[in-house]
Amino acid sequence: MTDRFFGYGSLVNRRTHDYAPAHPARVSGWRRVWRGTRLRRLAFLSVEPAPGVEIEGLVAPVPGGDWAALDQREAAYVRHPLGLDEIAAPVGGPTVMYVVPDDPEAPALREHPILLSYLDVVVQGFLDEFGRAGVERFFATTAGWEVPVLDDRASPLYPRAQRTGEAVQAMADAHLARLGARRMTE
């Protein structure tokens, strides 16, 4: 029975959950991607198959195998089982990651913006777990940066927004500028 998950976005930030013990892990053959769905007007961070790519994240147990709270948090996602050849860490058993299912209307949903408050939380988590080099790897192994970024820092829309501080925000801003990301205020 699967009772572990691999988090590759906001679940890397331990301030957003209390699943423990969590430990760093890597998954091969996948990359992160910003994806729009009909479920909301904002982009979700998901994953898609990508041979030769490896992403970092955290593996943590789901206490008692009670997935209800985590499934609610990840409501737009489906659980995807990871093969033992995909995950590079001693995880102690079967592990899943959450994936946003393909949507046939996805090309029409490319304008669903990324919340900057969400991105700041992800950057903060990667900085805490993997350092500056980990943040660089996060941006390098994530596709979909052509999606606009909604600057909601002054009034965060992300329900698990954190106080990230100027250093984290400056790091996120520098990477977005390097990628040529479009920023919008509304």
N, C-alpha and C. Protein backbone atom coordinates (compact mmCIF):
# COMPACT_ATOMS: atom_id res chain seq x y z
N MET A 1 0.84 -1.19 0.00
CA MET A 1 0.00 0.00 0.00
C MET A 1 0.88 1.24 0.00
N THR A 2 0.54 2.19 -0.81
CA THR A 2 1.30 3.43 -0.92
C THR A 2 0.91 4.38 0.21
N ASP A 3 1.89 4.83 0.96
CA ASP A 3 1.59 5.81 1.99
C ASP A 3 2.64 6.92 2.04
N ARG A 4 3.28 7.17 0.88
CA ARG A 4 4.28 8.23 0.78
C ARG A 4 4.02 9.05 -0.47
N PHE A 5 4.40 10.32 -0.40
CA PHE A 5 4.28 11.16 -1.58
C PHE A 5 5.62 11.84 -1.85
N PHE A 6 5.81 12.19 -3.10
CA PHE A 6 6.95 12.99 -3.53
C PHE A 6 6.40 14.37 -3.87
N GLY A 7 6.83 15.39 -3.14
CA GLY A 7 6.42 16.77 -3.41
C GLY A 7 7.51 17.47 -4.18
N TYR A 8 7.13 18.19 -5.22
CA TYR A 8 8.11 18.83 -6.11
C TYR A 8 7.89 20.33 -6.26
N GLY A 9 6.92 20.89 -5.54
CA GLY A 9 6.60 22.32 -5.62
C GLY A 9 6.44 22.88 -4.22
N SER A 10 5.22 23.31 -3.88
CA SER A 10 5.00 23.89 -2.55
C SER A 10 5.18 22.88 -1.43
N LEU A 11 5.02 21.59 -1.73
CA LEU A 11 5.24 20.57 -0.70
C LEU A 11 6.71 20.43 -0.31
N VAL A 12 7.61 21.06 -1.06
CA VAL A 12 9.02 21.09 -0.67
C VAL A 12 9.20 22.07 0.50
N ASN A 13 8.29 23.02 0.61
CA ASN A 13 8.37 24.00 1.69
C ASN A 13 7.68 23.42 2.93
N ARG A 14 8.47 23.03 3.90
CA ARG A 14 7.94 22.38 5.10
C ARG A 14 7.03 23.29 5.90
N ARG A 15 7.09 24.60 5.67
CA ARG A 15 6.20 25.52 6.37
C ARG A 15 4.74 25.38 5.93
N THR A 16 4.52 24.70 4.79
CA THR A 16 3.15 24.59 4.25
C THR A 16 2.46 23.30 4.63
N HIS A 17 3.12 22.45 5.40
CA HIS A 17 2.50 21.18 5.80
C HIS A 17 3.21 20.62 7.03
N ASP A 18 2.61 19.58 7.61
CA ASP A 18 3.23 18.96 8.77
C ASP A 18 3.48 17.47 8.55
N TYR A 19 3.69 17.07 7.30
CA TYR A 19 4.02 15.68 7.00
C TYR A 19 5.49 15.43 7.34
N ALA A 20 5.72 14.49 8.25
CA ALA A 20 7.08 14.22 8.70
C ALA A 20 7.22 12.75 9.05
N PRO A 21 8.43 12.22 9.01
CA PRO A 21 9.64 12.91 8.58
C PRO A 21 9.70 13.01 7.06
N ALA A 22 10.09 14.16 6.59
CA ALA A 22 10.28 14.38 5.15
C ALA A 22 11.77 14.37 4.86
N HIS A 23 12.14 13.87 3.70
CA HIS A 23 13.55 13.89 3.35
C HIS A 23 13.72 14.14 1.84
N PRO A 24 14.84 14.76 1.46
CA PRO A 24 15.08 15.06 0.05
C PRO A 24 15.13 13.79 -0.80
N ALA A 25 14.67 13.93 -2.02
CA ALA A 25 14.69 12.83 -2.99
C ALA A 25 14.76 13.42 -4.39
N ARG A 26 15.05 12.55 -5.35
CA ARG A 26 15.09 12.97 -6.77
C ARG A 26 14.26 11.97 -7.57
N VAL A 27 13.58 12.49 -8.59
CA VAL A 27 12.79 11.65 -9.49
C VAL A 27 13.34 11.84 -10.89
N SER A 28 13.59 10.74 -11.59
CA SER A 28 14.13 10.79 -12.95
C SER A 28 13.03 10.58 -13.97
N GLY A 29 13.22 11.25 -15.13
CA GLY A 29 12.30 11.08 -16.24
C GLY A 29 11.11 12.01 -16.22
N TRP A 30 11.15 13.03 -15.37
CA TRP A 30 10.05 13.99 -15.25
C TRP A 30 10.63 15.41 -15.16
N ARG A 31 9.83 16.38 -15.58
CA ARG A 31 10.15 17.79 -15.35
C ARG A 31 8.88 18.48 -14.87
N ARG A 32 9.07 19.59 -14.20
CA ARG A 32 7.93 20.38 -13.77
C ARG A 32 7.42 21.20 -14.95
N VAL A 33 6.14 21.55 -14.90
CA VAL A 33 5.55 22.37 -15.95
C VAL A 33 4.38 23.16 -15.36
N TRP A 34 4.26 24.41 -15.76
CA TRP A 34 3.10 25.21 -15.37
C TRP A 34 1.96 24.83 -16.31
N ARG A 35 0.82 24.49 -15.73
CA ARG A 35 -0.29 23.98 -16.53
C ARG A 35 -1.60 24.67 -16.12
N GLY A 36 -2.37 25.09 -17.13
CA GLY A 36 -3.70 25.63 -16.90
C GLY A 36 -4.73 24.53 -16.99
N THR A 37 -5.81 24.69 -16.25
CA THR A 37 -6.94 23.77 -16.34
C THR A 37 -8.22 24.59 -16.29
N ARG A 38 -9.32 23.92 -16.57
CA ARG A 38 -10.62 24.59 -16.48
C ARG A 38 -11.07 24.75 -15.03
N LEU A 39 -10.35 24.18 -14.09
CA LEU A 39 -10.76 24.20 -12.69
C LEU A 39 -10.58 25.55 -12.02
N ARG A 40 -9.64 26.34 -12.51
CA ARG A 40 -9.44 27.68 -11.97
C ARG A 40 -8.69 28.52 -12.99
N ARG A 41 -8.66 29.82 -12.76
CA ARG A 41 -8.05 30.72 -13.73
C ARG A 41 -6.55 30.92 -13.50
N LEU A 42 -5.96 30.14 -12.60
CA LEU A 42 -4.54 30.25 -12.28
C LEU A 42 -3.81 28.99 -12.70
N ALA A 43 -2.52 29.12 -12.96
CA ALA A 43 -1.70 27.98 -13.37
C ALA A 43 -1.38 27.09 -12.17
N PHE A 44 -1.31 25.81 -12.42
CA PHE A 44 -0.87 24.82 -11.44
C PHE A 44 0.54 24.40 -11.82
N LEU A 45 1.36 24.10 -10.82
CA LEU A 45 2.66 23.49 -11.07
C LEU A 45 2.44 21.99 -11.10
N SER A 46 2.76 21.36 -12.23
CA SER A 46 2.58 19.94 -12.39
C SER A 46 3.89 19.34 -12.88
N VAL A 47 3.82 18.10 -13.31
CA VAL A 47 4.96 17.42 -13.91
C VAL A 47 4.51 16.72 -15.18
N GLU A 48 5.48 16.48 -16.05
CA GLU A 48 5.23 15.74 -17.28
C GLU A 48 6.46 14.89 -17.57
N PRO A 49 6.28 13.78 -18.29
CA PRO A 49 7.43 12.95 -18.64
C PRO A 49 8.48 13.75 -19.42
N ALA A 50 9.73 13.53 -19.09
CA ALA A 50 10.85 14.21 -19.76
C ALA A 50 12.08 13.32 -19.62
N PRO A 51 12.32 12.44 -20.60
CA PRO A 51 13.48 11.55 -20.53
C PRO A 51 14.77 12.34 -20.32
N GLY A 52 15.60 11.84 -19.43
CA GLY A 52 16.90 12.47 -19.18
C GLY A 52 16.87 13.61 -18.19
N VAL A 53 15.70 13.99 -17.69
CA VAL A 53 15.59 15.08 -16.73
C VAL A 53 15.37 14.49 -15.34
N GLU A 54 15.93 15.17 -14.34
CA GLU A 54 15.76 14.74 -12.95
C GLU A 54 15.32 15.96 -12.14
N ILE A 55 14.32 15.77 -11.29
CA ILE A 55 13.85 16.86 -10.44
C ILE A 55 14.02 16.48 -8.97
N GLU A 56 14.21 17.50 -8.16
CA GLU A 56 14.36 17.32 -6.72
C GLU A 56 13.05 17.64 -6.02
N GLY A 57 12.90 17.08 -4.85
CA GLY A 57 11.74 17.35 -4.03
C GLY A 57 11.89 16.68 -2.68
N LEU A 58 10.76 16.52 -2.00
CA LEU A 58 10.75 15.85 -0.70
C LEU A 58 9.82 14.65 -0.75
N VAL A 59 10.21 13.60 -0.05
CA VAL A 59 9.35 12.45 0.17
C VAL A 59 8.92 12.49 1.63
N ALA A 60 7.63 12.27 1.85
CA ALA A 60 7.11 12.25 3.22
C ALA A 60 5.98 11.23 3.32
N PRO A 61 5.79 10.71 4.51
CA PRO A 61 4.70 9.74 4.70
C PRO A 61 3.36 10.44 4.88
N VAL A 62 2.31 9.70 4.57
CA VAL A 62 0.94 10.14 4.85
C VAL A 62 0.51 9.30 6.05
N PRO A 63 0.40 9.91 7.23
CA PRO A 63 0.11 9.15 8.45
C PRO A 63 -1.13 8.27 8.34
N GLY A 64 -0.94 7.01 8.65
CA GLY A 64 -2.04 6.07 8.63
C GLY A 64 -2.64 5.83 7.25
N GLY A 65 -1.96 6.31 6.21
CA GLY A 65 -2.50 6.16 4.86
C GLY A 65 -3.78 6.95 4.65
N ASP A 66 -4.03 7.97 5.49
CA ASP A 66 -5.23 8.79 5.37
C ASP A 66 -4.94 9.96 4.43
N TRP A 67 -5.31 9.79 3.18
CA TRP A 67 -5.00 10.75 2.13
C TRP A 67 -5.99 11.90 2.03
N ALA A 68 -7.06 11.91 2.79
CA ALA A 68 -8.14 12.89 2.60
C ALA A 68 -7.64 14.34 2.62
N ALA A 69 -6.86 14.72 3.62
CA ALA A 69 -6.42 16.12 3.72
C ALA A 69 -5.48 16.49 2.58
N LEU A 70 -4.56 15.59 2.24
CA LEU A 70 -3.63 15.89 1.16
C LEU A 70 -4.34 15.90 -0.19
N ASP A 71 -5.27 14.97 -0.39
CA ASP A 71 -6.05 14.98 -1.64
C ASP A 71 -6.87 16.27 -1.76
N GLN A 72 -7.38 16.77 -0.65
CA GLN A 72 -8.13 18.04 -0.69
C GLN A 72 -7.20 19.20 -1.04
N ARG A 73 -6.02 19.22 -0.44
CA ARG A 73 -5.04 20.27 -0.75
C ARG A 73 -4.67 20.23 -2.23
N GLU A 74 -4.52 19.05 -2.78
CA GLU A 74 -4.09 18.86 -4.17
C GLU A 74 -5.30 18.51 -5.05
N ALA A 75 -6.41 19.17 -4.85
CA ALA A 75 -7.71 18.81 -5.45
C ALA A 75 -7.71 18.74 -6.98
N ALA A 76 -6.92 19.51 -7.67
CA ALA A 76 -6.91 19.48 -9.15
C ALA A 76 -6.01 18.39 -9.69
N TYR A 77 -5.32 17.70 -8.82
CA TYR A 77 -4.33 16.71 -9.21
C TYR A 77 -4.87 15.29 -9.04
N VAL A 78 -4.20 14.35 -9.68
CA VAL A 78 -4.45 12.93 -9.44
C VAL A 78 -3.15 12.32 -8.94
N ARG A 79 -3.28 11.28 -8.14
CA ARG A 79 -2.09 10.58 -7.65
C ARG A 79 -1.53 9.70 -8.75
N HIS A 80 -0.21 9.80 -8.95
CA HIS A 80 0.47 9.00 -9.96
C HIS A 80 1.54 8.17 -9.27
N PRO A 81 1.48 6.84 -9.36
CA PRO A 81 2.50 6.01 -8.71
C PRO A 81 3.85 6.14 -9.40
N LEU A 82 4.89 6.23 -8.61
CA LEU A 82 6.25 6.29 -9.14
C LEU A 82 6.85 4.89 -9.15
N GLY A 83 7.53 4.57 -10.23
CA GLY A 83 8.25 3.31 -10.30
C GLY A 83 9.52 3.39 -9.48
N LEU A 84 9.98 2.26 -8.99
CA LEU A 84 11.21 2.24 -8.19
C LEU A 84 12.41 2.73 -8.99
N ASP A 85 12.36 2.60 -10.31
CA ASP A 85 13.45 3.09 -11.15
C ASP A 85 13.39 4.60 -11.36
N GLU A 86 12.30 5.25 -10.97
CA GLU A 86 12.15 6.69 -11.17
C GLU A 86 12.61 7.51 -9.97
N ILE A 87 12.56 6.93 -8.78
CA ILE A 87 12.86 7.71 -7.59
C ILE A 87 14.22 7.30 -7.04
N ALA A 88 15.08 8.29 -6.83
CA ALA A 88 16.45 8.05 -6.39
C ALA A 88 16.60 8.46 -4.93
N ALA A 89 16.13 7.60 -4.06
CA ALA A 89 16.30 7.81 -2.62
C ALA A 89 15.73 6.59 -1.92
N PRO A 90 16.22 6.30 -0.75
CA PRO A 90 15.62 5.20 -0.01
C PRO A 90 14.29 5.66 0.58
N VAL A 91 13.18 5.38 -0.11
CA VAL A 91 11.89 5.91 0.32
C VAL A 91 11.10 4.93 1.17
N GLY A 92 11.54 3.69 1.25
CA GLY A 92 10.89 2.74 2.13
C GLY A 92 9.59 2.18 1.63
N GLY A 93 9.32 2.29 0.37
CA GLY A 93 8.10 1.70 -0.16
C GLY A 93 7.53 2.50 -1.31
N PRO A 94 6.38 2.08 -1.80
CA PRO A 94 5.75 2.77 -2.94
C PRO A 94 5.49 4.24 -2.63
N THR A 95 5.65 5.05 -3.66
CA THR A 95 5.52 6.50 -3.52
C THR A 95 4.70 7.03 -4.69
N VAL A 96 3.90 8.05 -4.43
CA VAL A 96 3.13 8.70 -5.50
C VAL A 96 3.52 10.17 -5.57
N MET A 97 3.21 10.77 -6.71
CA MET A 97 3.30 12.22 -6.82
C MET A 97 2.00 12.69 -7.45
N TYR A 98 1.66 13.91 -7.20
CA TYR A 98 0.43 14.48 -7.74
C TYR A 98 0.70 15.11 -9.10
N VAL A 99 -0.18 14.82 -10.07
CA VAL A 99 -0.04 15.28 -11.44
C VAL A 99 -1.36 15.90 -11.89
N VAL A 100 -1.29 17.06 -12.54
CA VAL A 100 -2.49 17.64 -13.15
C VAL A 100 -2.75 16.88 -14.44
N PRO A 101 -3.93 16.27 -14.60
CA PRO A 101 -4.20 15.50 -15.82
C PRO A 101 -4.16 16.38 -17.06
N ASP A 102 -3.81 15.77 -18.18
CA ASP A 102 -3.83 16.49 -19.45
C ASP A 102 -5.24 17.01 -19.71
N ASP A 103 -5.32 18.20 -20.26
CA ASP A 103 -6.59 18.81 -20.59
C ASP A 103 -6.57 19.13 -22.08
N PRO A 104 -7.52 18.62 -22.85
CA PRO A 104 -7.51 18.88 -24.29
C PRO A 104 -7.61 20.36 -24.63
N GLU A 105 -8.07 21.17 -23.70
CA GLU A 105 -8.16 22.62 -23.93
C GLU A 105 -6.92 23.36 -23.44
N ALA A 106 -5.89 22.63 -23.05
CA ALA A 106 -4.70 23.26 -22.46
C ALA A 106 -4.12 24.40 -23.30
N PRO A 107 -4.01 24.27 -24.64
CA PRO A 107 -3.47 25.41 -25.39
C PRO A 107 -4.26 26.70 -25.17
N ALA A 108 -5.56 26.59 -24.99
CA ALA A 108 -6.38 27.78 -24.76
C ALA A 108 -6.22 28.30 -23.33
N LEU A 109 -5.58 27.53 -22.47
CA LEU A 109 -5.44 27.90 -21.07
C LEU A 109 -4.06 28.45 -20.73
N ARG A 110 -3.26 28.73 -21.74
CA ARG A 110 -1.89 29.18 -21.50
C ARG A 110 -1.81 30.54 -20.82
N GLU A 111 -2.89 31.28 -20.84
CA GLU A 111 -2.86 32.59 -20.20
C GLU A 111 -3.23 32.54 -18.72
N HIS A 112 -3.44 31.36 -18.18
CA HIS A 112 -3.69 31.24 -16.75
C HIS A 112 -2.39 31.61 -16.02
N PRO A 113 -2.40 32.69 -15.23
CA PRO A 113 -1.15 33.17 -14.65
C PRO A 113 -0.65 32.32 -13.47
N ILE A 114 0.65 32.41 -13.27
CA ILE A 114 1.33 31.85 -12.11
C ILE A 114 1.22 32.87 -10.99
N LEU A 115 0.81 32.45 -9.81
CA LEU A 115 0.79 33.37 -8.67
C LEU A 115 2.21 33.57 -8.14
N LEU A 116 2.63 34.81 -8.05
CA LEU A 116 3.97 35.08 -7.53
C LEU A 116 4.08 34.67 -6.06
N SER A 117 3.01 34.81 -5.30
CA SER A 117 3.04 34.38 -3.89
C SER A 117 3.26 32.87 -3.79
N TYR A 118 2.73 32.11 -4.74
CA TYR A 118 2.95 30.66 -4.78
C TYR A 118 4.41 30.37 -5.16
N LEU A 119 4.89 31.04 -6.20
CA LEU A 119 6.27 30.83 -6.64
C LEU A 119 7.25 31.17 -5.51
N ASP A 120 7.00 32.25 -4.77
CA ASP A 120 7.87 32.60 -3.64
C ASP A 120 7.94 31.47 -2.61
N VAL A 121 6.80 30.82 -2.34
CA VAL A 121 6.77 29.71 -1.39
C VAL A 121 7.62 28.55 -1.91
N VAL A 122 7.51 28.27 -3.21
CA VAL A 122 8.29 27.18 -3.80
C VAL A 122 9.79 27.52 -3.73
N VAL A 123 10.15 28.73 -4.09
CA VAL A 123 11.56 29.14 -4.05
C VAL A 123 12.09 29.06 -2.62
N GLN A 124 11.32 29.51 -1.66
CA GLN A 124 11.73 29.44 -0.25
C GLN A 124 12.00 27.98 0.16
N GLY A 125 11.13 27.07 -0.24
CA GLY A 125 11.31 25.66 0.09
C GLY A 125 12.57 25.09 -0.54
N PHE A 126 12.79 25.40 -1.82
CA PHE A 126 13.98 24.88 -2.50
C PHE A 126 15.25 25.49 -1.92
N LEU A 127 15.21 26.76 -1.55
CA LEU A 127 16.37 27.38 -0.92
C LEU A 127 16.68 26.69 0.41
N ASP A 128 15.66 26.45 1.22
CA ASP A 128 15.86 25.79 2.51
C ASP A 128 16.42 24.38 2.35
N GLU A 129 15.89 23.63 1.39
CA GLU A 129 16.26 22.22 1.25
C GLU A 129 17.52 21.98 0.42
N PHE A 130 17.69 22.78 -0.64
CA PHE A 130 18.75 22.48 -1.62
C PHE A 130 19.70 23.65 -1.89
N GLY A 131 19.51 24.77 -1.20
CA GLY A 131 20.38 25.92 -1.37
C GLY A 131 20.14 26.65 -2.69
N ARG A 132 20.99 27.63 -2.94
CA ARG A 132 20.86 28.44 -4.17
C ARG A 132 20.93 27.59 -5.43
N ALA A 133 21.81 26.59 -5.42
CA ALA A 133 21.93 25.71 -6.59
C ALA A 133 20.63 24.94 -6.81
N GLY A 134 19.94 24.58 -5.74
CA GLY A 134 18.66 23.90 -5.86
C GLY A 134 17.60 24.80 -6.47
N VAL A 135 17.62 26.08 -6.12
CA VAL A 135 16.68 27.03 -6.72
C VAL A 135 16.97 27.14 -8.22
N GLU A 136 18.24 27.22 -8.58
CA GLU A 136 18.60 27.28 -10.00
C GLU A 136 18.13 26.03 -10.73
N ARG A 137 18.31 24.86 -10.11
CA ARG A 137 17.83 23.62 -10.74
C ARG A 137 16.31 23.60 -10.85
N PHE A 138 15.61 24.16 -9.87
CA PHE A 138 14.14 24.24 -9.96
C PHE A 138 13.75 24.99 -11.23
N PHE A 139 14.31 26.16 -11.43
CA PHE A 139 13.95 26.96 -12.62
C PHE A 139 14.37 26.26 -13.91
N ALA A 140 15.53 25.60 -13.89
CA ALA A 140 16.03 24.93 -15.09
C ALA A 140 15.22 23.70 -15.46
N THR A 141 14.58 23.05 -14.48
CA THR A 141 13.84 21.82 -14.76
C THR A 141 12.33 22.05 -14.73
N THR A 142 11.93 23.30 -14.95
CA THR A 142 10.51 23.66 -15.00
C THR A 142 10.23 24.34 -16.33
N ALA A 143 9.20 23.88 -17.01
CA ALA A 143 8.79 24.45 -18.30
C ALA A 143 7.52 25.28 -18.11
N GLY A 144 7.21 26.08 -19.12
CA GLY A 144 5.97 26.84 -19.10
C GLY A 144 6.13 28.27 -18.64
N TRP A 145 7.34 28.79 -18.65
CA TRP A 145 7.56 30.16 -18.16
C TRP A 145 7.01 31.22 -19.10
N GLU A 146 6.44 30.80 -20.25
CA GLU A 146 5.80 31.78 -21.13
C GLU A 146 4.45 32.23 -20.56
N VAL A 147 3.96 31.53 -19.54
CA VAL A 147 2.72 31.91 -18.87
C VAL A 147 2.97 33.20 -18.08
N PRO A 148 2.05 34.14 -18.06
CA PRO A 148 2.28 35.36 -17.29
C PRO A 148 2.34 35.07 -15.78
N VAL A 149 3.01 35.96 -15.06
CA VAL A 149 3.14 35.84 -13.60
C VAL A 149 2.36 36.99 -12.97
N LEU A 150 1.38 36.65 -12.15
CA LEU A 150 0.56 37.64 -11.47
C LEU A 150 1.22 38.04 -10.17
N ASP A 151 1.63 39.31 -10.05
CA ASP A 151 2.29 39.80 -8.86
C ASP A 151 1.23 40.10 -7.79
N ASP A 152 1.05 39.13 -6.91
CA ASP A 152 0.07 39.26 -5.82
C ASP A 152 0.77 39.36 -4.46
N ARG A 153 2.04 39.75 -4.44
CA ARG A 153 2.78 39.78 -3.18
C ARG A 153 2.15 40.71 -2.15
N ALA A 154 1.66 41.84 -2.58
CA ALA A 154 1.09 42.80 -1.63
C ALA A 154 -0.17 42.26 -0.96
N SER A 155 -0.90 41.43 -1.66
CA SER A 155 -2.12 40.83 -1.14
C SER A 155 -2.21 39.40 -1.68
N PRO A 156 -1.48 38.46 -1.06
CA PRO A 156 -1.36 37.11 -1.60
C PRO A 156 -2.70 36.39 -1.78
N LEU A 157 -2.83 35.78 -2.94
CA LEU A 157 -3.99 34.95 -3.25
C LEU A 157 -3.74 33.48 -2.91
N TYR A 158 -2.48 33.09 -2.82
CA TYR A 158 -2.14 31.71 -2.53
C TYR A 158 -2.50 31.40 -1.09
N PRO A 159 -3.30 30.36 -0.84
CA PRO A 159 -3.78 30.11 0.52
C PRO A 159 -2.70 29.71 1.51
N ARG A 160 -1.56 29.24 1.06
CA ARG A 160 -0.46 28.86 1.96
C ARG A 160 0.73 29.81 1.82
N ALA A 161 0.45 31.05 1.48
CA ALA A 161 1.51 32.05 1.33
C ALA A 161 2.29 32.16 2.64
N GLN A 162 3.58 32.43 2.51
CA GLN A 162 4.48 32.54 3.66
C GLN A 162 5.20 33.89 3.61
N ARG A 163 5.72 34.29 4.74
CA ARG A 163 6.62 35.44 4.76
C ARG A 163 7.96 34.92 4.24
N THR A 164 8.30 35.32 3.04
CA THR A 164 9.50 34.76 2.43
C THR A 164 10.72 35.66 2.56
N GLY A 165 10.51 36.93 2.77
CA GLY A 165 11.62 37.86 2.92
C GLY A 165 12.15 38.36 1.59
N GLU A 166 12.88 39.46 1.68
CA GLU A 166 13.38 40.12 0.47
C GLU A 166 14.38 39.28 -0.30
N ALA A 167 15.20 38.49 0.37
CA ALA A 167 16.21 37.69 -0.33
C ALA A 167 15.55 36.65 -1.23
N VAL A 168 14.54 35.96 -0.72
CA VAL A 168 13.83 34.96 -1.53
C VAL A 168 13.12 35.64 -2.69
N GLN A 169 12.46 36.75 -2.41
CA GLN A 169 11.74 37.47 -3.47
C GLN A 169 12.69 37.98 -4.55
N ALA A 170 13.84 38.49 -4.13
CA ALA A 170 14.83 38.96 -5.11
C ALA A 170 15.35 37.80 -5.95
N MET A 171 15.52 36.64 -5.34
CA MET A 171 15.99 35.47 -6.08
C MET A 171 14.94 35.05 -7.12
N ALA A 172 13.67 35.00 -6.72
CA ALA A 172 12.59 34.65 -7.66
C ALA A 172 12.53 35.68 -8.78
N ASP A 173 12.60 36.96 -8.42
CA ASP A 173 12.54 38.03 -9.43
C ASP A 173 13.68 37.93 -10.43
N ALA A 174 14.88 37.64 -9.95
CA ALA A 174 16.04 37.54 -10.84
C ALA A 174 15.88 36.39 -11.83
N HIS A 175 15.39 35.26 -11.36
CA HIS A 175 15.17 34.12 -12.26
C HIS A 175 14.07 34.43 -13.27
N LEU A 176 13.01 35.06 -12.82
CA LEU A 176 11.93 35.41 -13.75
C LEU A 176 12.43 36.39 -14.82
N ALA A 177 13.25 37.35 -14.42
CA ALA A 177 13.79 38.31 -15.38
C ALA A 177 14.70 37.60 -16.38
N ARG A 178 15.53 36.70 -15.90
CA ARG A 178 16.42 35.94 -16.79
C ARG A 178 15.63 35.13 -17.79
N LEU A 179 14.49 34.61 -17.37
CA LEU A 179 13.65 33.80 -18.26
C LEU A 179 12.77 34.65 -19.16
N GLY A 180 12.76 35.96 -18.93
CA GLY A 180 11.91 36.85 -19.75
C GLY A 180 10.43 36.70 -19.44
N ALA A 181 10.11 36.30 -18.20
CA ALA A 181 8.71 36.10 -17.81
C ALA A 181 7.93 37.42 -17.84
N ARG A 182 6.70 37.35 -18.30
CA ARG A 182 5.80 38.49 -18.31
C ARG A 182 5.16 38.65 -16.94
N ARG A 183 5.26 39.83 -16.36
CA ARG A 183 4.63 40.09 -15.06
C ARG A 183 3.42 40.96 -15.26
N MET A 184 2.38 40.67 -14.50
CA MET A 184 1.17 41.46 -14.54
C MET A 184 0.70 41.74 -13.13
N THR A 185 -0.08 42.80 -12.96
CA THR A 185 -0.57 43.15 -11.63
C THR A 185 -2.03 42.81 -11.45
N GLU A 186 -2.76 42.55 -12.52
CA GLU A 186 -4.16 42.13 -12.41
C GLU A 186 -4.56 41.30 -13.58
